Amino acid sequence: MRIFLAGDHYSGTGPANVTRYYIENLPKGTLFQKRRSKLMRIPEIILNTIRSDVVVYSGYSRQNIIGLKLAKILKKPAAYIMHGCVEYENSINLEPDEEMNSVERKTMELSDSVIAVSGRFCDWLKNYYPEYSDKIDFVTNGIDMNLFDRTEGKDSRNSHLIFTVGGGMPRKKVKYICKAVKKLRETYDPGLSLCIIGADGADSKEIEAYDFVDNKGLVPFDESIRLFKEAALFVQNSSFETFGLAPVEALACGCPILCSRQVGALELIDNLQSEDVIEKYEDADEIAEKIRYNLEHSNVSRLIGGLKRESYSWKEKSRALELKLLKLVSKK
């Protein structure tokens, strides 16, 4: 079986990193997109669809509609790896877009299988899109095992630095982390700072108004890894997070984590305690209390001990994806 995996694998976003990991771990001979020009993508899609036995589109893109329609014409089975829900996320990010909603729904309609990136997200999708529930499945995102070999010790960390991702997108609830850090600067450590990476959004101006915030915007993957190794604590406070590689990457780099209950990646960890989880993502007092606790009590060793690392390696996850694609091919 020859796979054609289409999608961004170079921009450094979460979905792009997932696509990159699959390219690196799927069987030799797997085809993937090399052209970045929109004009040149079309002939590449046509050629690779013809050459493949099954096509997979990873992440939202308007190109998916063209590719999936072509797959239908050529009678090639097709899957869509769904990293998030554009329709829902845009609404809570205060950026509704009917055209994007239409593209996403059409992508789901044209796909033979919709593969969510976590079990939690799979269940959510089936409830949100009942008309597609019979074709929705999941392969939980994997863990980059190589990161665990590059863990640095506590002494190399900036004990005043807190790190988060999500930029100004409202669903990431970064502004409540800012409020919590402000409280802690007044009552606990006046030297605390917050480093943020991610795209601009409706909350950007409010976030950047704090003088202790360093909003770096979108950065390359290597820069995010450097920050995981420098920070004293990583916080992810999302109100909706289908998976989110960042908490696992943080642990792999030796950085303690604090996440909201809505972060899908928490399903990989067996031994969470109440201090590891934010129950009310808009409660700055709770966030501040738990930031302070985790700055004083690292949870890295305990949480890494609760990760079934080999079961969640990208090699294993790529094999799981391959088996699901084999089933699609056999049905055709």
Protein backbone atom coordinates (compact mmCIF):
# COMPACT_ATOMS: atom_id res chain seq x y z
CA MET A 1 0.00 0.00 0.00
CA ARG A 2 1.38 3.36 -1.03
CA ILE A 3 0.21 6.40 0.95
CA PHE A 4 0.01 9.99 -0.22
CA LEU A 5 0.06 12.27 2.84
CA ALA A 6 -0.85 15.85 1.93
CA GLY A 7 -0.56 18.85 4.23
CA ASP A 8 1.73 21.44 5.77
CA HIS A 9 4.77 19.85 7.41
CA TYR A 10 7.17 22.80 7.59
CA SER A 11 5.53 25.84 9.27
CA GLY A 12 6.13 24.76 12.89
CA THR A 13 2.46 24.80 13.92
CA GLY A 14 1.07 21.87 15.92
CA PRO A 15 -0.69 20.25 12.94
CA ALA A 16 2.39 20.76 10.77
CA ASN A 17 4.58 19.05 13.38
CA VAL A 18 2.18 16.09 13.52
CA THR A 19 2.29 15.78 9.72
CA ARG A 20 6.09 15.93 9.82
CA TYR A 21 6.25 13.14 12.40
CA TYR A 22 4.01 10.95 10.23
CA ILE A 23 6.18 11.60 7.16
CA GLU A 24 9.24 10.53 9.15
CA ASN A 25 7.63 7.33 10.48
CA LEU A 26 5.26 6.02 7.82
CA PRO A 27 6.61 3.29 5.49
CA LYS A 28 9.38 4.08 3.04
CA GLY A 29 7.89 5.23 -0.24
CA THR A 30 5.14 7.32 1.38
CA LEU A 31 4.46 10.32 -0.84
CA PHE A 32 4.10 13.80 0.62
CA GLN A 33 3.80 17.38 -0.56
CA LYS A 34 7.05 19.11 -1.44
CA ARG A 35 5.71 22.13 -3.31
CA ARG A 36 4.85 25.21 -1.27
CA SER A 37 3.53 27.33 -4.13
CA LYS A 38 -0.28 27.11 -4.39
CA LEU A 39 0.02 26.95 -8.16
CA MET A 40 2.47 24.05 -8.10
CA ARG A 41 0.53 22.06 -5.50
CA ILE A 42 -2.22 21.12 -7.95
CA PRO A 43 -0.11 19.11 -10.45
CA GLU A 44 1.71 17.53 -7.49
CA ILE A 45 -1.62 16.47 -5.94
CA ILE A 46 -2.80 15.01 -9.26
CA LEU A 47 0.42 13.04 -9.81
CA ASN A 48 0.68 11.72 -6.25
CA THR A 49 -3.00 10.75 -6.11
CA ILE A 50 -2.56 8.71 -9.29
CA ARG A 51 0.58 7.04 -7.90
CA SER A 52 -0.91 6.17 -4.50
CA ASP A 53 -3.33 3.58 -3.14
CA VAL A 54 -4.79 5.83 -0.45
CA VAL A 55 -4.67 9.58 0.19
CA VAL A 56 -4.59 11.37 3.53
CA TYR A 57 -5.15 15.08 4.02
CA SER A 58 -3.70 16.36 7.28
CA GLY A 59 -5.13 19.62 8.58
CA TYR A 60 -7.55 22.21 7.26
CA SER A 61 -6.85 23.61 3.79
CA ARG A 62 -8.89 24.64 0.77
CA GLN A 63 -6.69 22.34 -1.31
CA ASN A 64 -8.32 19.40 0.45
CA ILE A 65 -11.53 19.86 -1.56
CA ILE A 66 -9.70 19.60 -4.88
CA GLY A 67 -7.68 16.60 -3.76
CA LEU A 68 -10.62 14.73 -2.25
CA LYS A 69 -12.78 15.29 -5.32
CA LEU A 70 -9.95 13.93 -7.47
CA ALA A 71 -9.67 10.89 -5.18
CA LYS A 72 -13.39 10.25 -5.69
CA ILE A 73 -12.99 10.40 -9.47
CA LEU A 74 -10.01 8.03 -9.37
CA LYS A 75 -11.76 5.76 -6.83
CA LYS A 76 -8.95 6.17 -4.31
CA PRO A 77 -9.92 5.87 -0.61
CA ALA A 78 -9.30 9.08 1.32
CA ALA A 79 -8.91 10.08 4.95
CA TYR A 80 -8.82 13.44 6.70
CA ILE A 81 -6.71 13.92 9.85
CA MET A 82 -8.65 16.51 11.84
CA HIS A 83 -6.43 18.40 14.27
CA GLY A 84 -9.11 20.84 15.37
CA CYS A 85 -12.59 22.07 14.56
CA VAL A 86 -12.34 25.27 12.53
CA GLU A 87 -16.05 26.01 12.83
CA TYR A 88 -16.11 25.81 16.61
CA GLU A 89 -12.65 27.25 17.28
CA ASN A 90 -13.25 30.29 15.08
CA SER A 91 -16.49 30.99 16.94
CA ILE A 92 -14.82 30.94 20.38
CA ASN A 93 -11.86 32.91 19.00
CA LEU A 94 -14.41 35.59 17.99
CA GLU A 95 -13.49 35.16 14.32
CA PRO A 96 -16.44 33.34 12.67
CA ASP A 97 -15.87 32.53 9.00
CA GLU A 98 -18.67 30.88 7.03
CA GLU A 99 -16.42 30.12 4.06
CA MET A 100 -13.96 28.21 6.29
CA ASN A 101 -16.88 26.38 7.91
CA SER A 102 -18.11 25.32 4.48
CA VAL A 103 -14.65 24.05 3.46
CA GLU A 104 -14.31 22.05 6.67
CA ARG A 105 -17.75 20.45 6.35
CA LYS A 106 -17.14 19.64 2.67
CA THR A 107 -13.81 18.05 3.60
CA MET A 108 -15.56 15.80 6.11
CA GLU A 109 -18.29 14.95 3.61
CA LEU A 110 -15.83 13.95 0.86
CA SER A 111 -13.56 11.90 3.16
CA ASP A 112 -14.11 8.18 3.64
CA SER A 113 -12.70 8.48 7.16
CA VAL A 114 -12.23 11.43 9.52
CA ILE A 115 -9.40 10.72 11.97
CA ALA A 116 -9.34 12.78 15.17
CA VAL A 117 -6.08 13.31 17.06
CA SER A 118 -7.37 12.08 20.45
CA GLY A 119 -10.11 9.91 21.85
CA ARG A 120 -11.60 12.88 23.66
CA PHE A 121 -11.78 14.90 20.44
CA CYS A 122 -13.24 11.91 18.59
CA ASP A 123 -16.15 11.73 21.04
CA TRP A 124 -16.65 15.49 20.82
CA LEU A 125 -16.73 15.40 17.00
CA LYS A 126 -19.33 12.64 16.94
CA ASN A 127 -21.60 14.77 19.10
CA TYR A 128 -20.95 18.01 17.19
CA TYR A 129 -21.26 16.41 13.72
CA PRO A 130 -23.71 13.50 14.18
CA GLU A 131 -24.21 13.32 10.41
CA TYR A 132 -20.59 12.13 10.05
CA SER A 133 -20.34 10.05 13.25
CA ASP A 134 -20.15 6.72 11.42
CA LYS A 135 -16.93 7.73 9.66
CA ILE A 136 -15.18 9.44 12.61
CA ASP A 137 -12.31 7.53 14.25
CA PHE A 138 -9.12 8.50 16.03
CA VAL A 139 -5.38 7.93 16.33
CA THR A 140 -4.02 9.71 19.38
CA ASN A 141 -1.02 11.89 18.60
CA GLY A 142 2.35 10.46 19.48
CA ILE A 143 5.36 11.52 21.52
CA ASP A 144 8.72 12.48 20.06
CA MET A 145 10.93 9.98 21.89
CA ASN A 146 14.10 11.80 20.84
CA LEU A 147 13.16 14.78 23.00
CA PHE A 148 13.60 12.69 26.14
CA ASP A 149 17.26 12.19 25.28
CA ARG A 150 17.89 15.96 25.37
CA THR A 151 16.42 16.79 28.77
CA GLU A 152 18.35 19.41 30.71
CA GLY A 153 18.66 19.76 34.45
CA LYS A 154 16.83 22.18 36.74
CA ASP A 155 19.96 24.31 37.35
CA SER A 156 19.94 25.54 33.74
CA ARG A 157 16.43 26.98 34.03
CA ASN A 158 15.26 30.54 34.57
CA SER A 159 13.33 30.21 37.85
CA HIS A 160 11.30 33.34 37.05
CA LEU A 161 10.18 32.38 33.54
CA ILE A 162 6.71 31.00 32.77
CA PHE A 163 6.02 29.87 29.20
CA THR A 164 2.78 29.37 27.29
CA VAL A 165 1.55 28.91 23.73
CA GLY A 166 -1.49 30.21 21.86
CA GLY A 167 -0.72 33.86 21.25
CA GLY A 168 -3.80 36.05 21.28
CA MET A 169 -6.38 33.41 20.41
CA PRO A 170 -9.22 33.71 22.98
CA ARG A 171 -9.68 29.94 23.26
CA LYS A 172 -6.15 29.67 24.67
CA LYS A 173 -7.20 31.87 27.63
CA VAL A 174 -3.70 33.37 27.89
CA LYS A 175 -5.10 36.62 29.29
CA TYR A 176 -6.07 34.74 32.46
CA ILE A 177 -2.51 33.46 32.82
CA CYS A 178 -1.42 37.10 32.54
CA LYS A 179 -3.82 38.05 35.36
CA ALA A 180 -2.50 35.19 37.50
CA VAL A 181 1.13 36.18 36.92
CA LYS A 182 0.30 39.79 37.79
CA LYS A 183 -1.12 38.61 41.13
CA LEU A 184 1.97 36.49 41.81
CA ARG A 185 4.30 39.38 40.99
CA GLU A 186 2.49 41.40 43.66
CA THR A 187 2.37 38.68 46.33
CA TYR A 188 5.06 36.09 45.59
CA ASP A 189 7.85 36.92 43.11
CA PRO A 190 8.14 40.40 41.54
CA GLY A 191 10.59 39.03 38.97
CA LEU A 192 8.16 36.61 37.32
CA SER A 193 7.81 36.98 33.54
CA LEU A 194 5.60 35.33 30.94
CA CYS A 195 6.82 34.32 27.48
CA ILE A 196 4.12 33.65 24.87
CA ILE A 197 4.34 32.17 21.38
CA GLY A 198 1.59 31.82 18.81
CA ALA A 199 -0.50 33.74 16.33
CA ASP A 200 -2.09 37.11 17.00
CA GLY A 201 -5.77 37.17 17.88
CA ALA A 202 -8.53 39.13 19.56
CA ASP A 203 -6.74 39.04 22.94
CA SER A 204 -3.31 40.16 21.69
CA LYS A 205 -3.57 43.83 22.67
CA GLU A 206 -4.76 43.02 26.18
CA ILE A 207 -1.95 40.48 26.63
CA GLU A 208 0.75 42.83 25.35
CA ALA A 209 -0.35 45.60 27.73
CA TYR A 210 1.38 43.75 30.60
CA ASP A 211 5.00 44.90 30.97
CA PHE A 212 6.17 41.46 32.12
CA VAL A 213 4.95 39.75 28.93
CA ASP A 214 7.23 38.83 26.02
CA ASN A 215 4.93 37.95 23.10
CA LYS A 216 7.16 36.39 20.45
CA GLY A 217 4.46 35.50 17.91
CA LEU A 218 5.00 32.47 15.70
CA VAL A 219 8.45 30.91 16.11
CA PRO A 220 10.28 27.90 14.59
CA PHE A 221 9.97 24.53 16.32
CA ASP A 222 13.56 24.66 17.60
CA GLU A 223 12.85 27.96 19.36
CA SER A 224 9.89 26.46 21.19
CA ILE A 225 12.09 23.57 22.33
CA ARG A 226 14.69 26.05 23.60
CA LEU A 227 11.99 27.80 25.64
CA PHE A 228 10.76 24.49 27.08
CA LYS A 229 14.30 23.92 28.30
CA GLU A 230 14.66 27.40 29.76
CA ALA A 231 11.30 27.94 31.47
CA ALA A 232 10.52 27.08 35.08
CA LEU A 233 6.94 26.15 34.19
CA PHE A 234 4.82 25.60 31.09
CA VAL A 235 1.13 26.53 31.36
CA GLN A 236 -1.60 25.65 28.84
CA ASN A 237 -4.95 27.09 29.84
CA SER A 238 -7.10 26.33 26.78
CA SER A 239 -10.89 26.22 26.91
CA PHE A 240 -10.81 23.81 23.94
CA GLU A 241 -7.73 21.77 22.97
CA THR A 242 -8.19 18.68 20.82
CA PHE A 243 -4.75 17.38 21.74
CA GLY A 244 -1.88 19.85 21.97
CA LEU A 245 1.64 18.45 21.66
CA ALA A 246 3.14 21.21 23.79
CA PRO A 247 2.57 19.73 27.30
CA VAL A 248 4.23 16.44 26.37
CA GLU A 249 7.08 18.26 24.61
CA ALA A 250 7.54 20.36 27.74
CA LEU A 251 7.78 17.29 29.97
CA ALA A 252 10.19 15.67 27.54
CA CYS A 253 12.40 18.74 27.88
CA GLY A 254 12.29 18.57 31.67
CA CYS A 255 9.81 21.43 32.15
CA PRO A 256 6.99 21.14 34.72
CA ILE A 257 3.49 21.63 33.32
CA LEU A 258 0.13 23.01 34.40
CA CYS A 259 -2.82 22.45 32.03
CA SER A 260 -6.54 23.06 31.94
CA ARG A 261 -8.83 20.05 32.11
CA GLN A 262 -9.74 20.63 28.43
CA VAL A 263 -6.26 19.78 27.07
CA GLY A 264 -6.56 16.50 25.13
CA ALA A 265 -2.94 15.44 25.68
CA LEU A 266 -3.70 14.81 29.34
CA GLU A 267 -5.24 11.49 28.30
CA LEU A 268 -1.66 10.23 27.79
CA ILE A 269 -0.82 10.70 31.48
CA ASP A 270 -2.06 8.22 34.09
CA ASN A 271 -1.06 9.84 37.38
CA LEU A 272 -2.34 13.41 37.30
CA GLN A 273 -2.99 15.17 40.60
CA SER A 274 -5.27 18.12 41.32
CA GLU A 275 -2.31 20.52 41.38
CA ASP A 276 -1.46 19.61 37.76
CA VAL A 277 -4.85 20.62 36.37
CA ILE A 278 -6.70 23.94 36.09
CA GLU A 279 -10.40 23.25 36.60
CA LYS A 280 -11.67 26.81 35.95
CA TYR A 281 -9.66 28.34 33.11
CA GLU A 282 -11.05 31.85 33.76
CA ASP A 283 -10.24 31.80 37.49
CA ALA A 284 -7.02 33.81 37.88
CA ASP A 285 -6.84 32.97 41.60
CA GLU A 286 -6.86 29.21 40.95
CA ILE A 287 -4.30 29.60 38.16
CA ALA A 288 -2.03 31.72 40.38
CA GLU A 289 -2.25 29.25 43.27
CA LYS A 290 -1.35 26.32 41.04
CA ILE A 291 1.44 28.19 39.25
CA ARG A 292 3.00 28.95 42.62
CA TYR A 293 2.65 25.33 43.75
CA ASN A 294 4.25 23.96 40.59
CA LEU A 295 7.10 26.47 40.70
CA GLU A 296 7.92 25.05 44.13
CA HIS A 297 7.11 21.37 43.43
CA SER A 298 8.24 20.06 40.05
CA ASN A 299 5.91 17.41 38.60
CA VAL A 300 8.25 16.32 35.79
CA SER A 301 9.49 13.02 37.21
CA ARG A 302 6.05 11.93 38.39
CA LEU A 303 4.24 12.81 35.16
CA ILE A 304 6.92 11.29 32.94
CA GLY A 305 6.55 8.15 35.05
CA GLY A 306 2.86 8.15 34.11
CA LEU A 307 3.51 8.34 30.37
CA LYS A 308 3.36 5.06 28.46
CA ARG A 309 6.10 6.32 26.21
CA GLU A 310 6.66 3.32 23.98
CA SER A 311 2.92 2.93 23.39
CA TYR A 312 2.70 6.55 22.29
CA SER A 313 5.83 6.76 20.14
CA TRP A 314 5.34 8.17 16.64
CA LYS A 315 6.48 4.83 15.27
CA GLU A 316 3.57 3.11 17.02
CA LYS A 317 1.10 5.82 16.09
CA SER A 318 2.19 5.72 12.44
CA ARG A 319 1.59 1.98 12.45
CA ALA A 320 -1.88 2.56 13.93
CA LEU A 321 -2.66 5.06 11.18
CA GLU A 322 -1.35 2.66 8.54
CA LEU A 323 -3.66 -0.10 9.78
CA LYS A 324 -6.69 2.18 9.56
CA LEU A 325 -5.71 3.15 6.02
CA LEU A 326 -5.33 -0.52 5.09
CA LYS A 327 -8.94 -1.06 6.16
CA LEU A 328 -10.05 1.76 3.85
CA VAL A 329 -8.15 0.24 0.94
CA SER A 330 -9.62 -3.22 1.58
CA LYS A 331 -13.16 -1.76 1.53
CA LYS A 332 -12.57 -0.35 -1.96
